[in-house]
Protein backbone atom coordinates (compact mmCIF):
# COMPACT_ATOMS: atom_id res chain seq x y z
CA MET A 1 3.98 2.64 -64.61
CA ILE A 2 5.22 5.05 -61.88
CA VAL A 3 3.85 8.56 -61.88
CA SER A 4 6.62 11.10 -61.52
CA GLY A 5 6.88 12.68 -58.09
CA ARG A 6 4.93 10.07 -56.09
CA PRO A 7 7.88 8.03 -54.77
CA GLY A 8 9.52 11.19 -53.44
CA ALA A 9 6.33 12.31 -51.69
CA MET A 10 5.94 8.88 -50.08
CA ILE A 11 9.51 8.94 -48.78
CA ILE A 12 8.98 12.42 -47.31
CA ARG A 13 5.84 11.21 -45.53
CA ILE A 14 7.66 8.19 -44.13
CA ILE A 15 10.53 10.36 -42.88
CA ALA A 16 8.04 12.80 -41.30
CA LEU A 17 6.28 9.93 -39.57
CA LEU A 18 9.57 8.52 -38.25
CA VAL A 19 10.56 11.96 -36.93
CA ALA A 20 7.19 12.31 -35.18
CA VAL A 21 7.48 8.85 -33.59
CA SER A 22 11.05 9.59 -32.46
CA ALA A 23 9.98 12.92 -30.95
CA LEU A 24 7.16 11.20 -29.11
CA ALA A 25 9.51 8.53 -27.78
CA LEU A 26 11.95 11.17 -26.55
CA SER A 27 9.17 13.14 -24.85
CA VAL A 28 8.13 10.15 -22.72
CA ASP A 29 9.79 10.22 -19.30
CA PRO A 30 11.66 6.88 -18.94
CA ALA A 31 11.01 6.83 -15.19
CA ARG A 32 7.27 7.24 -15.67
CA ALA A 33 7.24 4.61 -18.37
CA ALA A 34 9.04 2.20 -16.01
CA GLU A 35 6.55 2.95 -13.21
CA ALA A 36 3.60 2.34 -15.52
CA THR A 37 5.11 -0.95 -16.65
CA ALA A 38 5.69 -2.01 -13.03
CA ALA A 39 2.06 -1.19 -12.15
CA GLN A 40 0.89 -3.23 -15.16
CA LEU A 41 2.99 -6.22 -14.08
CA ILE A 42 1.63 -6.06 -10.53
CA SER A 43 -1.93 -5.65 -11.84
CA GLY A 44 -1.46 -8.64 -14.14
CA PHE A 45 -0.37 -10.80 -11.22
CA ARG A 46 -3.29 -9.55 -9.13
CA HIS A 47 -5.80 -10.25 -11.94
CA ASN A 48 -4.55 -13.83 -12.14
CA HIS A 49 -5.45 -14.22 -8.47
CA GLY A 50 -8.82 -12.48 -8.44
CA GLU A 51 -7.71 -9.04 -7.28
CA GLY A 52 -8.15 -5.65 -8.94
CA THR A 53 -5.93 -3.26 -10.88
CA VAL A 54 -3.52 -0.89 -9.14
CA THR A 55 -2.42 2.45 -10.56
CA ILE A 56 0.61 4.60 -9.78
CA ASP A 57 0.07 7.06 -6.94
CA PRO A 58 2.42 10.07 -6.49
CA THR A 59 2.29 9.97 -2.67
CA LEU A 60 3.07 6.26 -2.55
CA ASN A 61 5.85 6.80 -5.10
CA ARG A 62 7.40 9.45 -2.86
CA ILE A 63 7.19 7.19 0.20
CA ALA A 64 8.75 4.33 -1.78
CA LEU A 65 11.55 6.55 -3.09
CA GLU A 66 12.37 7.87 0.39
CA GLN A 67 12.50 4.30 1.70
CA ALA A 68 14.66 3.02 -1.19
CA ARG A 69 17.10 5.94 -0.87
CA ALA A 70 17.36 5.55 2.90
CA MET A 71 18.14 1.83 2.58
CA ALA A 72 20.69 2.50 -0.17
CA GLY A 73 22.29 5.29 1.86
CA ARG A 74 22.74 3.01 4.87
CA ASN A 75 23.31 -0.10 2.74
CA THR A 76 20.77 -2.03 4.77
CA LEU A 77 17.49 -3.79 3.99
CA ASP A 78 15.16 -2.63 6.74
CA HIS A 79 11.51 -1.54 6.86
CA SER A 80 12.26 0.70 9.87
CA VAL A 81 15.23 2.59 8.42
CA LEU A 82 13.13 5.80 8.34
CA GLY A 83 10.80 4.97 11.20
CA SER A 84 7.73 2.81 11.60
CA PHE A 85 5.75 1.84 8.53
CA SER A 86 2.51 3.19 10.01
CA SER A 87 4.01 6.67 10.44
CA ARG A 88 5.60 6.67 6.97
CA ILE A 89 2.45 5.50 5.18
CA ALA A 90 0.11 7.89 7.06
CA PRO A 91 0.32 10.68 4.40
CA SER A 92 -1.31 8.32 1.88
CA ARG A 93 -4.55 8.36 3.91
CA ALA A 94 -5.20 4.76 2.94
CA GLY A 95 -7.35 2.44 5.02
CA ARG A 96 -4.93 -0.43 4.49
CA ALA A 97 -1.41 -0.64 3.10
CA ALA A 98 1.63 -2.88 2.84
CA GLU A 99 5.27 -2.55 1.85
CA ASN A 100 7.69 -4.84 0.04
CA ILE A 101 11.42 -4.19 -0.03
CA ALA A 102 14.29 -5.98 -1.74
CA TYR A 103 17.82 -5.58 -3.07
CA GLY A 104 19.99 -7.30 -5.64
CA TYR A 105 18.26 -7.11 -9.00
CA ASP A 106 18.59 -4.10 -11.31
CA THR A 107 15.23 -4.65 -13.02
CA PHE A 108 11.74 -4.60 -11.57
CA PRO A 109 10.46 -7.78 -13.30
CA LYS A 110 13.18 -9.84 -11.57
CA THR A 111 12.44 -8.14 -8.26
CA LEU A 112 8.73 -8.84 -8.71
CA ASP A 113 9.51 -12.53 -9.29
CA GLN A 114 11.50 -12.51 -6.06
CA TRP A 115 8.46 -11.16 -4.18
CA ILE A 116 6.04 -13.55 -5.87
CA ASN A 117 8.17 -16.49 -4.73
CA SER A 118 8.13 -15.29 -1.10
CA SER A 119 4.87 -16.07 0.74
CA GLU A 120 4.76 -12.88 2.85
CA HIS A 121 5.67 -10.57 -0.04
CA ARG A 122 3.15 -12.38 -2.22
CA LYS A 123 0.40 -11.64 0.33
CA ASN A 124 1.27 -7.95 0.14
CA LEU A 125 1.10 -7.98 -3.66
CA LEU A 126 -2.39 -9.47 -3.36
CA LEU A 127 -3.55 -7.00 -0.70
CA HIS A 128 -7.36 -7.08 -0.90
CA ASN A 129 -9.05 -3.90 -2.18
CA ALA A 130 -5.70 -2.33 -3.09
CA SER A 131 -6.08 0.27 -5.82
CA ARG A 132 -2.84 2.29 -5.79
CA VAL A 133 0.85 1.51 -5.78
CA GLY A 134 4.21 3.26 -5.56
CA ILE A 135 7.50 1.78 -6.75
CA ALA A 136 11.03 3.12 -6.51
CA SER A 137 14.64 2.00 -6.57
CA ALA A 138 17.98 3.48 -5.52
CA LYS A 139 21.60 2.38 -5.77
CA ASP A 140 24.07 2.30 -2.90
CA ALA A 141 27.21 4.47 -2.88
CA SER A 142 29.17 1.91 -4.89
CA GLY A 143 26.48 1.82 -7.57
CA LYS A 144 26.57 -1.98 -7.50
CA ARG A 145 23.56 -2.77 -5.29
CA THR A 146 20.00 -1.70 -6.14
CA TYR A 147 17.40 -1.34 -3.39
CA TRP A 148 13.68 -1.52 -4.15
CA ALA A 149 10.59 -0.40 -2.24
CA MET A 150 6.95 -0.92 -3.15
CA GLU A 151 4.01 0.61 -1.30
CA ILE A 152 0.58 -0.81 -2.07
CA ALA A 153 -2.61 0.62 -0.59
CA GLY A 154 -6.38 0.65 -0.73
CA ASP A 155 -9.62 1.37 1.16
CA TYR A 156 -9.33 5.09 0.49
CA GLU A 157 -11.94 7.31 2.16
CA GLU A 158 -13.33 8.62 -1.14
CA ASN A 159 -13.95 5.05 -2.34
CA LYS A 160 -16.03 4.06 0.68
CA PRO A 161 -19.81 4.22 0.34
CA LYS A 162 -21.30 7.26 2.10
CA SER A 163 -23.86 6.76 4.84
CA PRO A 164 -27.44 7.90 4.14
CA LYS A 165 -28.14 11.58 4.80
CA GLY A 166 -28.76 12.34 8.44
CA ARG A 167 -27.12 9.14 9.69
CA LYS A 168 -23.73 9.23 11.28
CA GLU A 169 -21.29 6.39 10.99
CA LYS A 170 -20.73 4.64 14.30
CA GLU A 171 -17.27 4.73 15.75
CA PRO A 172 -15.47 1.40 15.49
CA MET A 173 -15.93 -0.75 18.55
CA VAL A 174 -12.85 -1.51 20.60
CA ALA A 175 -13.01 -4.28 23.15
CA VAL A 176 -11.13 -3.35 26.29
CA LYS A 177 -10.82 -5.68 29.23
CA ARG A 178 -11.47 -3.71 32.38
CA GLU A 179 -10.71 -4.96 35.85
CA VAL A 180 -13.31 -4.07 38.44
CA VAL A 181 -11.98 -3.73 41.95
CA VAL A 182 -14.60 -4.29 44.62
CA LYS A 183 -13.71 -2.85 48.01
CA ARG A 184 -15.08 -4.74 50.95
CA GLU A 185 -15.28 -3.48 54.48
CA ALA A 186 -13.62 -5.64 57.10
CA ARG A 187 -16.89 -5.86 59.02
CA ALA A 188 -20.07 -5.00 57.17
CA ALA A 189 -22.88 -3.45 59.17
CA PRO A 190 -26.01 -5.59 59.16
CA ALA A 191 -28.66 -4.44 56.71
CA ALA A 192 -31.86 -2.94 58.07
CA SER A 193 -33.89 -5.80 56.66
CA GLU A 194 -31.55 -8.49 57.96
CA CYS A 195 -33.34 -11.21 60.00
CA HIS A 196 -32.28 -11.84 63.58
CA VAL A 197 -34.50 -14.90 63.86
CA LYS A 198 -35.96 -16.78 60.89
CA LEU A 199 -38.79 -19.24 61.43
CA LEU A 200 -40.77 -20.83 58.58
CA SER A 201 -39.72 -18.07 56.11
CA LEU A 202 -40.77 -15.37 58.58
CA CYS A 203 -38.30 -12.81 59.86
CA PHE A 204 -38.41 -11.48 63.44
């Protein structure tokens, strides 16, 4: 036996729920969703090899996007297209960092597979103590070639243990080979204690 009015109320609730889910889906930024997925894929690979999770970092994202756009604009795969990596990564303030670049695939999972199957790129993905990542892509003028850049970084200052109060951290030691030039006189004057005659360990 069906009570009058219940089926209609149930349908209204279902429609309201579907509208709410659709609104939520539309409110999610597709770019951010893609970044989060990329970070999860990288973290999953890192977990399988004993390394920690990485999360999306806005500064690293910006650096990656600038690199991807520069490569796409010049249609060249080059780490130095915008200058040295050390100068480009400096704004991140990371203690260690690495960069992977690629072109060809339109999707990140395929690009990630490409990096995993390359020994040097794989090392970067497994950068020890990495905690943040930035990922970006850009298409060349023809729209046919996609360029990718990934910045991965760790050892951030705020994550390092602080030294006990009153103690200052020592500056890192740098070994520098120094050449010592010893000047010698052509003819050295005899020392005051120099022996003129030596007999049985006695000087005269």
